[in-house]
Amino acid sequence: MDEIEDLFENALNGDLAAQANLGLIYLKRDTGPQDFQQGKYWLEKAARRGDTRALRVLATCFQFGHYGFPQNQDIANHWWYMHHRQLKNRADAGDNDAERAMKLLSDIAKEDRFK
């Protein structure tokens, strides 16, 4: 089996990281055709299970209309909210990486970079 087939098999078996990775591969594919529907499917599957990277990618794609996603701020806000909630849950559980990410987001918000 090649790398993509292994990843696909792992994603089918519920491997969260494999699902997010497969979604990204379908969207960004350098070799072979990109597949928006498959990319969206696997990213949403991983995001619904709490993968913060998939949540962030979906939020960004809907916010800016990347990779064939329609630009839709309401949907982007939903995914950003879910991303923030997942980070907070992980930070509250003692995840140091999540704590650092929450601090970074807080610092960015204080600087009004997005206004």
C-alpha atoms as a PDB file:
ATOM      1  CA  MET A   1       0.000   0.000   0.000  1.00  0.00           C
ATOM      2  CA  ASP A   2       1.142   3.535  -0.616  1.00  0.00           C
ATOM      3  CA  GLU A   3       1.047   6.354   1.920  1.00  0.00           C
ATOM      4  CA  ILE A   4      -2.369   7.702   0.825  1.00  0.00           C
ATOM      5  CA  GLU A   5      -3.947   4.250   0.968  1.00  0.00           C
ATOM      6  CA  ASP A   6      -2.570   3.741   4.486  1.00  0.00           C
ATOM      7  CA  LEU A   7      -3.862   7.146   5.534  1.00  0.00           C
ATOM      8  CA  PHE A   8      -7.270   6.416   4.017  1.00  0.00           C
ATOM      9  CA  GLU A   9      -7.453   3.072   5.824  1.00  0.00           C
ATOM     10  CA  ASN A  10      -6.507   4.702   9.129  1.00  0.00           C
ATOM     11  CA  ALA A  11      -9.078   7.476   8.572  1.00  0.00           C
ATOM     12  CA  LEU A  12     -11.784   4.892   7.896  1.00  0.00           C
ATOM     13  CA  ASN A  13     -10.801   3.154  11.131  1.00  0.00           C
ATOM     14  CA  GLY A  14     -11.375   6.366  13.089  1.00  0.00           C
ATOM     15  CA  ASP A  15      -7.832   7.738  13.432  1.00  0.00           C
ATOM     16  CA  LEU A  16      -8.489  11.428  14.118  1.00  0.00           C
ATOM     17  CA  ALA A  17      -5.128  12.714  12.855  1.00  0.00           C
ATOM     18  CA  ALA A  18      -5.471  10.593   9.705  1.00  0.00           C
ATOM     19  CA  GLN A  19      -8.899  12.091   9.025  1.00  0.00           C
ATOM     20  CA  ALA A  20      -7.558  15.651   9.308  1.00  0.00           C
ATOM     21  CA  ASN A  21      -4.469  14.826   7.253  1.00  0.00           C
ATOM     22  CA  LEU A  22      -6.521  13.154   4.542  1.00  0.00           C
ATOM     23  CA  GLY A  23      -8.811  16.180   4.331  1.00  0.00           C
ATOM     24  CA  LEU A  24      -5.834  18.477   3.884  1.00  0.00           C
ATOM     25  CA  ILE A  25      -4.289  16.225   1.260  1.00  0.00           C
ATOM     26  CA  TYR A  26      -7.483  16.215  -0.796  1.00  0.00           C
ATOM     27  CA  LEU A  27      -7.660  20.018  -0.658  1.00  0.00           C
ATOM     28  CA  LYS A  28      -3.994  20.775  -1.321  1.00  0.00           C
ATOM     29  CA  ARG A  29      -3.126  17.842  -3.555  1.00  0.00           C
ATOM     30  CA  ASP A  30       0.000  18.499  -5.610  1.00  0.00           C
ATOM     31  CA  THR A  31      -0.091  15.164  -7.430  1.00  0.00           C
ATOM     32  CA  GLY A  32      -3.421  14.251  -8.940  1.00  0.00           C
ATOM     33  CA  PRO A  33      -6.625  16.247  -8.894  1.00  0.00           C
ATOM     34  CA  GLN A  34      -7.807  18.121  -5.841  1.00  0.00           C
ATOM     35  CA  ASP A  35     -11.120  16.855  -4.471  1.00  0.00           C
ATOM     36  CA  PHE A  36     -13.034  19.564  -2.606  1.00  0.00           C
ATOM     37  CA  GLN A  37     -15.885  17.268  -1.536  1.00  0.00           C
ATOM     38  CA  GLN A  38     -13.577  14.619  -0.077  1.00  0.00           C
ATOM     39  CA  GLY A  39     -11.399  17.240   1.582  1.00  0.00           C
ATOM     40  CA  LYS A  40     -14.402  18.911   3.178  1.00  0.00           C
ATOM     41  CA  TYR A  41     -15.855  15.552   4.230  1.00  0.00           C
ATOM     42  CA  TRP A  42     -12.723  14.404   6.076  1.00  0.00           C
ATOM     43  CA  LEU A  43     -12.003  17.801   7.634  1.00  0.00           C
ATOM     44  CA  GLU A  44     -15.561  18.093   8.924  1.00  0.00           C
ATOM     45  CA  LYS A  45     -15.415  14.532  10.262  1.00  0.00           C
ATOM     46  CA  ALA A  46     -12.211  15.350  12.184  1.00  0.00           C
ATOM     47  CA  ALA A  47     -13.529  18.748  13.289  1.00  0.00           C
ATOM     48  CA  ARG A  48     -16.727  17.260  14.709  1.00  0.00           C
ATOM     49  CA  ARG A  49     -14.521  14.979  16.788  1.00  0.00           C
ATOM     50  CA  GLY A  50     -12.539  17.954  18.130  1.00  0.00           C
ATOM     51  CA  ASP A  51      -9.391  18.093  15.986  1.00  0.00           C
ATOM     52  CA  THR A  52      -8.240  21.687  16.478  1.00  0.00           C
ATOM     53  CA  ARG A  53      -6.263  21.761  13.233  1.00  0.00           C
ATOM     54  CA  ALA A  54      -9.326  20.680  11.216  1.00  0.00           C
ATOM     55  CA  LEU A  55     -11.443  23.257  13.062  1.00  0.00           C
ATOM     56  CA  ARG A  56      -8.923  26.003  12.266  1.00  0.00           C
ATOM     57  CA  VAL A  57      -8.625  24.990   8.604  1.00  0.00           C
ATOM     58  CA  LEU A  58     -12.396  24.930   8.120  1.00  0.00           C
ATOM     59  CA  ALA A  59     -12.786  28.315   9.823  1.00  0.00           C
ATOM     60  CA  THR A  60     -10.074  29.851   7.660  1.00  0.00           C
ATOM     61  CA  CYS A  61     -11.370  28.297   4.445  1.00  0.00           C
ATOM     62  CA  PHE A  62     -14.894  29.612   5.015  1.00  0.00           C
ATOM     63  CA  GLN A  63     -13.629  32.987   6.221  1.00  0.00           C
ATOM     64  CA  PHE A  64     -11.522  33.640   3.136  1.00  0.00           C
ATOM     65  CA  GLY A  65     -13.042  31.308   0.526  1.00  0.00           C
ATOM     66  CA  HIS A  66      -9.936  29.116   0.150  1.00  0.00           C
ATOM     67  CA  TYR A  67      -9.736  25.784  -1.723  1.00  0.00           C
ATOM     68  CA  GLY A  68     -13.176  26.055  -3.282  1.00  0.00           C
ATOM     69  CA  PHE A  69     -15.049  26.810  -0.061  1.00  0.00           C
ATOM     70  CA  PRO A  70     -17.688  29.524  -0.372  1.00  0.00           C
ATOM     71  CA  GLN A  71     -16.788  32.597   1.627  1.00  0.00           C
ATOM     72  CA  ASN A  72     -19.277  32.567   4.493  1.00  0.00           C
ATOM     73  CA  GLN A  73     -18.577  34.469   7.705  1.00  0.00           C
ATOM     74  CA  ASP A  74     -21.419  32.816   9.638  1.00  0.00           C
ATOM     75  CA  ILE A  75     -20.035  29.331   8.981  1.00  0.00           C
ATOM     76  CA  ALA A  76     -16.486  30.566   9.647  1.00  0.00           C
ATOM     77  CA  ASN A  77     -17.634  31.983  12.991  1.00  0.00           C
ATOM     78  CA  HIS A  78     -19.163  28.621  13.902  1.00  0.00           C
ATOM     79  CA  TRP A  79     -15.887  26.796  13.243  1.00  0.00           C
ATOM     80  CA  TRP A  80     -13.845  29.498  15.048  1.00  0.00           C
ATOM     81  CA  TYR A  81     -16.167  29.183  18.048  1.00  0.00           C
ATOM     82  CA  MET A  82     -15.775  25.399  18.054  1.00  0.00           C
ATOM     83  CA  HIS A  83     -11.978  25.804  17.737  1.00  0.00           C
ATOM     84  CA  HIS A  84     -11.864  28.177  20.694  1.00  0.00           C
ATOM     85  CA  ARG A  85     -14.106  25.929  22.780  1.00  0.00           C
ATOM     86  CA  GLN A  86     -11.948  22.870  22.059  1.00  0.00           C
ATOM     87  CA  LEU A  87      -8.754  24.767  22.911  1.00  0.00           C
ATOM     88  CA  LYS A  88     -10.302  26.004  26.146  1.00  0.00           C
ATOM     89  CA  ASN A  89     -11.410  22.497  27.127  1.00  0.00           C
ATOM     90  CA  ARG A  90      -7.910  21.189  26.503  1.00  0.00           C
ATOM     91  CA  ALA A  91      -6.268  24.094  28.329  1.00  0.00           C
ATOM     92  CA  ASP A  92      -8.593  23.564  31.303  1.00  0.00           C
ATOM     93  CA  ALA A  93      -7.526  19.909  31.312  1.00  0.00           C
ATOM     94  CA  GLY A  94      -3.868  20.957  31.578  1.00  0.00           C
ATOM     95  CA  ASP A  95      -2.741  20.735  27.936  1.00  0.00           C
ATOM     96  CA  ASN A  96       0.239  23.108  27.765  1.00  0.00           C
ATOM     97  CA  ASP A  97       0.041  23.539  23.981  1.00  0.00           C
ATOM     98  CA  ALA A  98      -3.612  24.519  24.242  1.00  0.00           C
ATOM     99  CA  GLU A  99      -2.794  26.953  27.052  1.00  0.00           C
ATOM    100  CA  ARG A 100      -0.139  28.618  24.867  1.00  0.00           C
ATOM    101  CA  ALA A 101      -2.560  28.806  21.929  1.00  0.00           C
ATOM    102  CA  MET A 102      -5.230  30.401  24.143  1.00  0.00           C
ATOM    103  CA  LYS A 103      -2.716  32.967  25.393  1.00  0.00           C
ATOM    104  CA  LEU A 104      -1.646  33.755  21.829  1.00  0.00           C
ATOM    105  CA  LEU A 105      -5.262  34.235  20.751  1.00  0.00           C
ATOM    106  CA  SER A 106      -5.869  36.467  23.757  1.00  0.00           C
ATOM    107  CA  ASP A 107      -2.783  38.554  22.975  1.00  0.00           C
ATOM    108  CA  ILE A 108      -3.849  38.936  19.348  1.00  0.00           C
ATOM    109  CA  ALA A 109      -7.336  40.037  20.390  1.00  0.00           C
ATOM    110  CA  LYS A 110      -5.858  42.630  22.780  1.00  0.00           C
ATOM    111  CA  GLU A 111      -3.779  44.093  19.965  1.00  0.00           C
ATOM    112  CA  ASP A 112      -6.892  44.593  17.831  1.00  0.00           C
ATOM    113  CA  ARG A 113      -5.173  43.045  14.830  1.00  0.00           C
ATOM    114  CA  PHE A 114      -8.511  42.107  13.302  1.00  0.00           C
ATOM    115  CA  LYS A 115     -10.294  45.445  13.607  1.00  0.00           C
END
